[in-house]
N, C-alpha and C. Protein backbone atom coordinates (compact mmCIF):
# COMPACT_ATOMS: atom_id res chain seq x y z
N UNK A 1 -25.42 -15.75 32.78
CA UNK A 1 -23.97 -16.26 33.60
C UNK A 1 -24.77 -17.21 34.07
N UNK A 2 -23.54 -18.68 34.33
CA UNK A 2 -23.33 -19.51 34.72
C UNK A 2 -23.62 -20.02 36.27
N UNK A 3 -24.57 -20.72 36.83
CA UNK A 3 -25.12 -20.37 38.26
C UNK A 3 -23.39 -20.74 38.78
N UNK A 4 -22.78 -20.36 40.09
CA UNK A 4 -21.95 -20.14 40.55
C UNK A 4 -22.17 -20.94 41.93
N UNK A 5 -21.22 -22.05 42.38
CA UNK A 5 -20.88 -23.09 43.27
C UNK A 5 -19.87 -22.50 44.23
N UNK A 6 -20.05 -22.66 45.73
CA UNK A 6 -18.89 -22.05 46.41
C UNK A 6 -17.87 -23.23 46.45
N UNK A 7 -16.44 -23.24 46.59
CA UNK A 7 -15.75 -24.48 47.24
C UNK A 7 -14.61 -23.62 48.27
N UNK A 8 -14.15 -24.62 48.66
CA UNK A 8 -13.24 -23.85 49.58
C UNK A 8 -11.79 -23.77 49.30
N UNK A 9 -10.78 -23.60 49.26
CA UNK A 9 -9.38 -23.49 48.24
C UNK A 9 -8.66 -22.84 49.43
N UNK A 10 -7.33 -23.74 49.66
CA UNK A 10 -6.06 -23.32 50.63
C UNK A 10 -5.30 -23.02 49.45
N UNK A 11 -4.59 -21.73 50.01
CA UNK A 11 -3.17 -21.18 49.41
C UNK A 11 -2.36 -21.06 50.78
N UNK A 12 -0.93 -21.49 49.88
CA UNK A 12 -0.06 -21.01 50.97
C UNK A 12 -0.14 -19.42 51.18
N UNK A 13 0.68 -18.67 51.84
CA UNK A 13 0.82 -17.43 52.16
C UNK A 13 1.03 -16.67 50.76
N UNK A 14 2.22 -16.87 50.52
CA UNK A 14 2.83 -16.03 49.61
C UNK A 14 1.82 -16.17 48.23
N UNK A 15 1.64 -17.19 47.88
CA UNK A 15 0.74 -16.90 46.67
C UNK A 15 -0.49 -16.27 47.09
N UNK A 16 -0.67 -16.47 48.22
CA UNK A 16 -1.88 -15.60 48.45
C UNK A 16 -1.94 -13.94 48.17
N UNK A 17 -0.61 -13.85 48.70
CA UNK A 17 -0.26 -12.28 48.73
C UNK A 17 -0.23 -11.98 47.34
N UNK A 18 0.40 -12.82 46.38
CA UNK A 18 0.25 -12.69 44.83
C UNK A 18 -0.92 -12.16 44.22
N UNK A 19 -1.68 -13.04 44.41
CA UNK A 19 -3.00 -12.83 44.31
C UNK A 19 -3.77 -11.40 44.51
N UNK A 20 -3.34 -11.31 45.73
CA UNK A 20 -3.67 -10.17 46.38
C UNK A 20 -3.45 -8.86 45.56
N UNK A 21 -2.38 -9.22 45.07
CA UNK A 21 -1.57 -7.81 44.87
C UNK A 21 -2.11 -7.88 42.97
N UNK A 22 -2.73 -8.71 42.52
CA UNK A 22 -3.47 -8.37 41.45
C UNK A 22 -4.43 -7.68 41.77
N UNK A 23 -5.18 -8.23 42.66
CA UNK A 23 -6.56 -7.81 42.96
C UNK A 23 -6.49 -6.30 43.22
N UNK A 24 -5.25 -5.83 44.12
CA UNK A 24 -5.11 -4.28 44.97
C UNK A 24 -4.42 -3.38 43.21
N UNK A 25 -3.99 -4.13 42.28
CA UNK A 25 -3.68 -3.40 41.18
C UNK A 25 -4.88 -2.95 40.04
N UNK A 26 -5.59 -3.46 40.45
CA UNK A 26 -7.25 -4.02 39.50
C UNK A 26 -7.19 -4.81 38.43
N UNK A 27 -6.09 -5.49 38.31
CA UNK A 27 -6.08 -6.41 37.15
C UNK A 27 -7.55 -7.25 37.68
N UNK A 28 -7.55 -7.77 38.99
CA UNK A 28 -9.06 -8.60 38.99
C UNK A 28 -9.66 -8.28 40.13
N UNK A 29 -11.13 -8.46 39.60
CA UNK A 29 -12.02 -7.69 40.60
C UNK A 29 -12.21 -8.51 42.26
N UNK A 30 -11.91 -9.73 41.99
CA UNK A 30 -11.41 -10.37 42.98
C UNK A 30 -10.39 -11.64 43.02
N UNK A 31 -10.28 -12.21 44.41
CA UNK A 31 -9.58 -13.26 44.38
C UNK A 31 -10.25 -14.45 43.85
N UNK A 32 -11.95 -14.50 43.82
CA UNK A 32 -12.43 -15.53 42.93
C UNK A 32 -12.25 -15.42 41.34
N UNK A 33 -12.21 -14.03 41.03
CA UNK A 33 -12.07 -13.69 39.22
C UNK A 33 -10.69 -14.64 38.70
N UNK A 34 -9.58 -13.99 39.43
CA UNK A 34 -8.03 -14.61 39.47
C UNK A 34 -8.31 -16.24 39.35
N UNK A 35 -8.60 -16.61 40.27
CA UNK A 35 -8.66 -18.11 40.51
C UNK A 35 -9.64 -18.62 39.16
N UNK A 36 -10.72 -18.20 39.03
CA UNK A 36 -11.43 -18.70 37.49
C UNK A 36 -10.31 -18.24 36.46
N UNK A 37 -10.04 -17.22 36.28
CA UNK A 37 -9.26 -16.69 35.35
C UNK A 37 -8.04 -18.17 35.43
N UNK A 38 -7.16 -18.57 36.06
CA UNK A 38 -6.27 -18.95 36.22
C UNK A 38 -6.55 -20.52 35.91
N UNK A 39 -8.06 -20.94 36.45
CA UNK A 39 -8.44 -22.17 35.59
C UNK A 39 -8.92 -22.24 34.03
N UNK A 40 -9.28 -21.34 33.44
CA UNK A 40 -9.43 -21.03 32.05
C UNK A 40 -7.88 -21.05 31.60
N UNK A 41 -7.33 -20.36 32.00
CA UNK A 41 -5.87 -20.26 31.13
C UNK A 41 -5.36 -21.64 31.26
N UNK A 42 -5.47 -22.52 32.49
CA UNK A 42 -4.98 -23.93 32.87
C UNK A 42 -5.14 -24.59 31.35
N UNK A 43 -7.02 -24.37 31.53
CA UNK A 43 -7.37 -25.32 30.24
C UNK A 43 -6.93 -25.00 28.74
N UNK A 44 -6.72 -23.64 28.42
CA UNK A 44 -6.59 -23.34 27.14
C UNK A 44 -5.37 -24.08 27.29
N UNK A 45 -4.07 -23.78 28.02
CA UNK A 45 -2.56 -24.47 27.92
C UNK A 45 -2.58 -25.57 27.62
N UNK A 46 -3.68 -26.57 28.12
CA UNK A 46 -3.84 -28.18 28.18
C UNK A 46 -4.50 -28.51 26.50
N UNK A 47 -5.29 -27.61 26.57
CA UNK A 47 -5.82 -28.18 24.80
C UNK A 47 -4.39 -27.46 23.89
N UNK A 48 -3.84 -26.38 24.18
CA UNK A 48 -2.79 -26.25 22.99
C UNK A 48 -1.62 -27.56 22.84
N UNK A 49 -1.54 -28.41 24.50
CA UNK A 49 -0.50 -29.20 24.35
C UNK A 49 -1.13 -30.29 23.24
N UNK A 50 -2.61 -30.58 23.67
CA UNK A 50 -3.44 -31.80 22.77
C UNK A 50 -3.40 -31.53 21.31
N UNK A 51 -3.54 -30.05 20.57
CA UNK A 51 -3.21 -30.15 19.35
C UNK A 51 -2.04 -30.27 19.35
N UNK A 52 -1.25 -29.82 19.59
CA UNK A 52 0.35 -29.72 19.45
C UNK A 52 0.56 -31.28 18.82
N UNK A 53 0.26 -32.29 20.21
CA UNK A 53 0.39 -33.48 19.76
C UNK A 53 -0.34 -34.46 18.77
N UNK A 54 -2.00 -33.84 18.80
CA UNK A 54 -2.17 -34.51 17.15
C UNK A 54 -1.83 -34.07 16.14
N UNK A 55 -1.21 -32.48 15.98
CA UNK A 55 -0.66 -32.13 14.95
C UNK A 55 0.68 -33.14 14.77
N UNK A 56 1.63 -33.17 15.78
CA UNK A 56 2.75 -34.18 15.28
C UNK A 56 2.49 -35.77 15.07
N UNK A 57 1.41 -36.40 15.64
CA UNK A 57 0.99 -37.44 15.02
C UNK A 57 0.58 -37.45 14.19
N UNK A 58 0.00 -36.66 13.39
CA UNK A 58 -0.69 -36.52 11.97
C UNK A 58 0.17 -36.25 10.78
N UNK A 59 1.05 -35.37 11.51
CA UNK A 59 2.26 -35.42 10.74
C UNK A 59 1.70 -33.85 9.99
N UNK A 60 0.84 -32.97 10.51
CA UNK A 60 0.07 -31.76 9.80
C UNK A 60 0.98 -30.54 9.83
N UNK A 61 1.64 -29.99 8.72
CA UNK A 61 1.82 -28.89 9.09
C UNK A 61 0.95 -27.71 9.28
N UNK A 62 1.48 -26.24 10.05
CA UNK A 62 0.75 -25.33 10.49
C UNK A 62 0.03 -24.78 9.79
N UNK A 63 0.25 -24.72 8.37
CA UNK A 63 -0.46 -23.93 7.23
C UNK A 63 -1.66 -25.39 7.21
N UNK A 64 -1.70 -26.74 7.21
CA UNK A 64 -2.88 -27.54 6.84
C UNK A 64 -4.03 -27.19 8.48
N UNK A 65 -3.32 -27.10 9.55
CA UNK A 65 -4.13 -26.74 10.74
C UNK A 65 -4.77 -25.43 10.56
N UNK A 66 -4.43 -24.01 9.96
CA UNK A 66 -4.92 -23.36 9.65
C UNK A 66 -6.00 -23.63 8.86
N UNK A 67 -5.53 -23.98 7.93
CA UNK A 67 -6.70 -23.79 6.53
C UNK A 67 -7.82 -25.17 6.79
N UNK A 68 -7.63 -26.07 7.84
CA UNK A 68 -8.58 -26.67 8.70
C UNK A 68 -9.43 -26.25 9.28
N UNK A 69 -8.91 -25.58 9.71
CA UNK A 69 -9.87 -24.80 11.17
C UNK A 69 -10.82 -23.47 10.33
N UNK A 70 -9.96 -22.95 9.25
CA UNK A 70 -11.17 -22.09 8.46
C UNK A 70 -11.67 -23.20 7.58
N UNK A 71 -11.96 -23.95 7.31
CA UNK A 71 -12.73 -25.14 6.89
C UNK A 71 -13.89 -25.51 7.84
N UNK A 72 -13.61 -25.69 8.83
CA UNK A 72 -14.26 -26.05 10.38
C UNK A 72 -15.64 -24.81 10.11
N UNK A 73 -15.14 -23.57 10.62
CA UNK A 73 -15.19 -22.45 11.03
C UNK A 73 -16.49 -22.11 9.39
N UNK A 74 -15.97 -21.86 8.39
CA UNK A 74 -17.17 -21.66 7.29
C UNK A 74 -17.95 -22.99 7.28
N UNK A 75 -17.83 -24.09 7.55
CA UNK A 75 -18.90 -25.01 7.77
C UNK A 75 -19.91 -24.83 8.79
N UNK A 76 -19.67 -24.70 10.10
CA UNK A 76 -20.45 -24.00 11.22
C UNK A 76 -21.44 -22.74 10.73
N UNK A 77 -20.67 -21.99 9.88
CA UNK A 77 -21.36 -20.40 9.27
C UNK A 77 -22.33 -20.82 8.67
N UNK A 78 -22.23 -21.99 7.62
CA UNK A 78 -22.93 -22.05 6.70
C UNK A 78 -24.00 -22.66 7.47
N UNK A 79 -24.04 -23.80 8.79
CA UNK A 79 -24.89 -24.58 9.18
C UNK A 79 -25.98 -23.40 10.24
N UNK A 80 -25.30 -22.12 10.54
CA UNK A 80 -25.61 -21.38 11.49
C UNK A 80 -26.57 -20.59 10.47
N UNK A 81 -26.15 -19.81 9.37
CA UNK A 81 -26.96 -18.97 9.11
C UNK A 81 -27.58 -19.30 7.23
N UNK A 82 -26.92 -20.74 6.80
CA UNK A 82 -27.40 -20.81 5.73
C UNK A 82 -26.43 -20.40 4.39
N UNK A 83 -26.67 -21.01 3.52
CA UNK A 83 -25.79 -20.69 2.19
C UNK A 83 -25.73 -19.62 1.71
N UNK A 84 -27.29 -18.84 1.82
CA UNK A 84 -27.32 -17.49 1.31
C UNK A 84 -26.62 -16.62 1.53
């Protein structure tokens, strides 16, 4: 696991209550894990937006994007395990 550092974050009371409800229902083990997950999701959403802009700028179709992703994965696999 990555080394964790502590930071102080301030939330309005209502937002903190909503986070606490997720924890109370057992959806997250702690406030910290909820916040870490929210950061990961925000990064994923931003990445999706970046990919959409690239697709639009390059004029790619969804199928071309999928096929390109498959080619990249296949090439990475070959590099990791060899051609055999």
